[in-house]
N, C-alpha and C. Protein backbone atom coordinates (compact mmCIF):
# COMPACT_ATOMS: atom_id res chain seq x y z
N MET A 1 185.30 -5.88 -149.19
CA MET A 1 184.95 -6.29 -147.78
C MET A 1 183.89 -5.42 -147.40
N GLU A 2 182.99 -5.85 -146.01
CA GLU A 2 181.50 -5.30 -145.92
C GLU A 2 181.62 -4.63 -144.84
N ARG A 3 181.07 -3.21 -145.34
CA ARG A 3 181.78 -1.60 -144.17
C ARG A 3 180.21 -2.47 -142.93
N GLU A 4 180.69 -2.49 -141.47
CA GLU A 4 180.06 -2.48 -140.40
C GLU A 4 179.47 -1.10 -140.11
N THR A 5 177.76 -1.46 -139.47
CA THR A 5 177.19 -0.56 -139.53
C THR A 5 177.53 0.17 -137.90
N LEU A 6 178.33 1.45 -137.96
CA LEU A 6 178.24 1.64 -136.49
C LEU A 6 177.16 2.74 -136.10
N LEU A 7 176.93 2.18 -134.70
CA LEU A 7 175.30 3.08 -133.88
C LEU A 7 175.74 3.58 -133.17
N ILE A 8 174.98 5.05 -132.46
CA ILE A 8 174.98 6.09 -131.67
C ILE A 8 174.48 6.31 -131.05
N HIS A 9 174.12 5.83 -129.35
CA HIS A 9 172.74 5.93 -128.46
C HIS A 9 172.67 7.37 -127.89
N SER A 10 171.55 8.39 -128.01
CA SER A 10 171.65 9.07 -127.14
C SER A 10 170.38 9.28 -126.67
N ASP A 11 169.75 10.32 -125.65
CA ASP A 11 168.61 11.03 -125.31
C ASP A 11 168.51 11.60 -126.43
N GLN A 12 167.24 12.65 -125.75
CA GLN A 12 166.11 13.72 -127.00
C GLN A 12 167.10 14.64 -126.61
N GLY A 13 168.18 14.94 -126.53
CA GLY A 13 168.91 16.52 -126.39
C GLY A 13 168.87 17.40 -127.29
N ARG A 14 168.60 18.42 -126.82
CA ARG A 14 168.49 19.16 -128.04
C ARG A 14 169.52 19.35 -129.03
N GLN A 15 171.06 19.19 -128.55
CA GLN A 15 171.77 19.29 -129.05
C GLN A 15 171.40 17.75 -130.24
N TYR A 16 171.23 16.44 -130.06
CA TYR A 16 171.25 15.44 -130.41
C TYR A 16 169.95 15.66 -131.81
N ARG A 17 169.10 15.99 -131.26
CA ARG A 17 168.09 16.61 -132.65
C ARG A 17 168.63 17.35 -133.85
N ALA A 18 169.37 18.80 -133.15
CA ALA A 18 169.56 19.56 -134.31
C ALA A 18 170.00 18.43 -135.93
N ALA A 19 169.77 19.79 -136.58
CA ALA A 19 169.89 19.25 -138.17
C ALA A 19 171.09 18.86 -138.54
N ASP A 20 172.06 20.06 -137.95
CA ASP A 20 173.25 19.78 -138.62
C ASP A 20 174.17 18.69 -138.11
N TYR A 21 173.90 18.28 -136.90
CA TYR A 21 174.22 17.16 -136.04
C TYR A 21 174.18 15.63 -136.58
N ARG A 22 172.60 15.70 -137.13
CA ARG A 22 172.41 14.36 -137.92
C ARG A 22 172.33 13.96 -139.35
N ASP A 23 172.45 15.58 -139.63
CA ASP A 23 173.66 15.68 -141.22
C ASP A 23 174.56 15.02 -140.70
N LEU A 24 175.78 15.15 -140.23
CA LEU A 24 176.55 14.27 -140.09
C LEU A 24 176.83 13.46 -140.00
N LEU A 25 175.97 12.84 -139.00
CA LEU A 25 175.68 11.55 -138.98
C LEU A 25 175.65 10.53 -140.35
N ARG A 26 174.37 11.30 -140.79
CA ARG A 26 173.81 10.55 -141.93
C ARG A 26 175.41 10.57 -143.68
N GLU A 27 176.08 11.79 -143.45
CA GLU A 27 176.70 11.48 -143.93
C GLU A 27 177.83 10.78 -143.83
N GLN A 28 178.37 10.32 -142.31
CA GLN A 28 179.34 9.62 -141.86
C GLN A 28 178.56 7.82 -142.20
N LYS A 29 177.77 7.89 -142.30
CA LYS A 29 176.95 6.72 -142.26
C LYS A 29 176.94 5.51 -140.79
N ILE A 30 176.46 7.10 -140.01
CA ILE A 30 175.90 6.34 -138.34
C ILE A 30 174.84 6.55 -138.59
N VAL A 31 174.24 5.45 -138.05
CA VAL A 31 172.99 5.58 -137.62
C VAL A 31 172.68 5.90 -135.66
N CYS A 32 170.92 6.47 -136.30
CA CYS A 32 171.32 6.99 -134.80
C CYS A 32 170.30 6.56 -133.74
N SER A 33 170.55 6.66 -132.87
CA SER A 33 169.20 5.43 -132.12
C SER A 33 169.19 6.42 -131.15
N MET A 34 167.90 6.81 -130.57
CA MET A 34 167.40 7.45 -129.08
C MET A 34 166.50 6.46 -128.11
N SER A 35 166.85 7.31 -127.26
CA SER A 35 165.94 6.84 -125.99
C SER A 35 165.22 6.96 -125.93
N ALA A 36 163.45 6.91 -125.30
CA ALA A 36 162.16 7.24 -125.64
C ALA A 36 161.99 8.62 -124.62
N LYS A 37 161.08 9.30 -125.30
CA LYS A 37 161.13 10.59 -124.17
C LYS A 37 160.84 10.31 -123.17
N GLY A 38 161.74 10.59 -121.99
CA GLY A 38 161.03 10.72 -120.79
C GLY A 38 161.88 9.20 -120.09
N CYS A 39 161.79 7.94 -121.01
CA CYS A 39 162.27 7.05 -120.48
C CYS A 39 163.77 7.09 -119.57
N CYS A 40 164.02 6.94 -118.83
CA CYS A 40 165.00 7.57 -118.27
C CYS A 40 166.13 5.69 -118.37
N TRP A 41 165.02 4.90 -118.26
CA TRP A 41 165.47 3.40 -118.25
C TRP A 41 166.52 2.99 -119.51
N ASP A 42 166.47 3.42 -120.42
CA ASP A 42 167.02 3.56 -121.53
C ASP A 42 168.38 3.73 -121.76
N ASN A 43 168.69 4.68 -121.05
CA ASN A 43 170.36 4.64 -120.56
C ASN A 43 170.97 3.79 -119.57
N SER A 44 169.93 3.28 -119.17
CA SER A 44 170.85 2.41 -117.35
C SER A 44 172.08 1.26 -117.49
N VAL A 45 171.65 0.70 -118.42
CA VAL A 45 172.62 -0.08 -118.94
C VAL A 45 174.37 0.26 -119.15
N VAL A 46 173.78 1.00 -120.32
CA VAL A 46 174.96 2.21 -120.68
C VAL A 46 175.87 2.62 -119.61
N GLU A 47 174.97 3.47 -119.28
CA GLU A 47 175.75 4.11 -117.53
C GLU A 47 176.36 3.72 -116.28
N SER A 48 175.67 2.32 -116.30
CA SER A 48 175.93 1.57 -115.43
C SER A 48 177.46 0.60 -116.15
N TYR A 49 177.62 0.83 -116.97
CA TYR A 49 178.99 0.06 -118.01
C TYR A 49 179.85 1.17 -117.61
N PHE A 50 179.92 2.42 -118.11
CA PHE A 50 180.61 3.59 -118.37
C PHE A 50 181.15 3.73 -116.53
N SER A 51 180.30 4.05 -115.87
CA SER A 51 180.44 4.36 -114.65
C SER A 51 182.08 3.01 -114.13
N THR A 52 181.70 1.91 -114.52
CA THR A 52 183.00 1.12 -114.23
C THR A 52 184.31 1.08 -115.08
N LEU A 53 184.50 2.06 -116.00
CA LEU A 53 185.63 2.26 -116.51
C LEU A 53 186.78 3.35 -115.90
């Protein structure tokens, strides 16, 4: 059975760029995606979705 790829998206905050965090994602085979630096529009769709929950 083929495993689906899990993708986690975040901004470029210090906690998300930390080596320990990135290593943990890599160990769990989670792909990391980050917003472009200073681009608040990257997260607008996700934040809009979460505001409805």
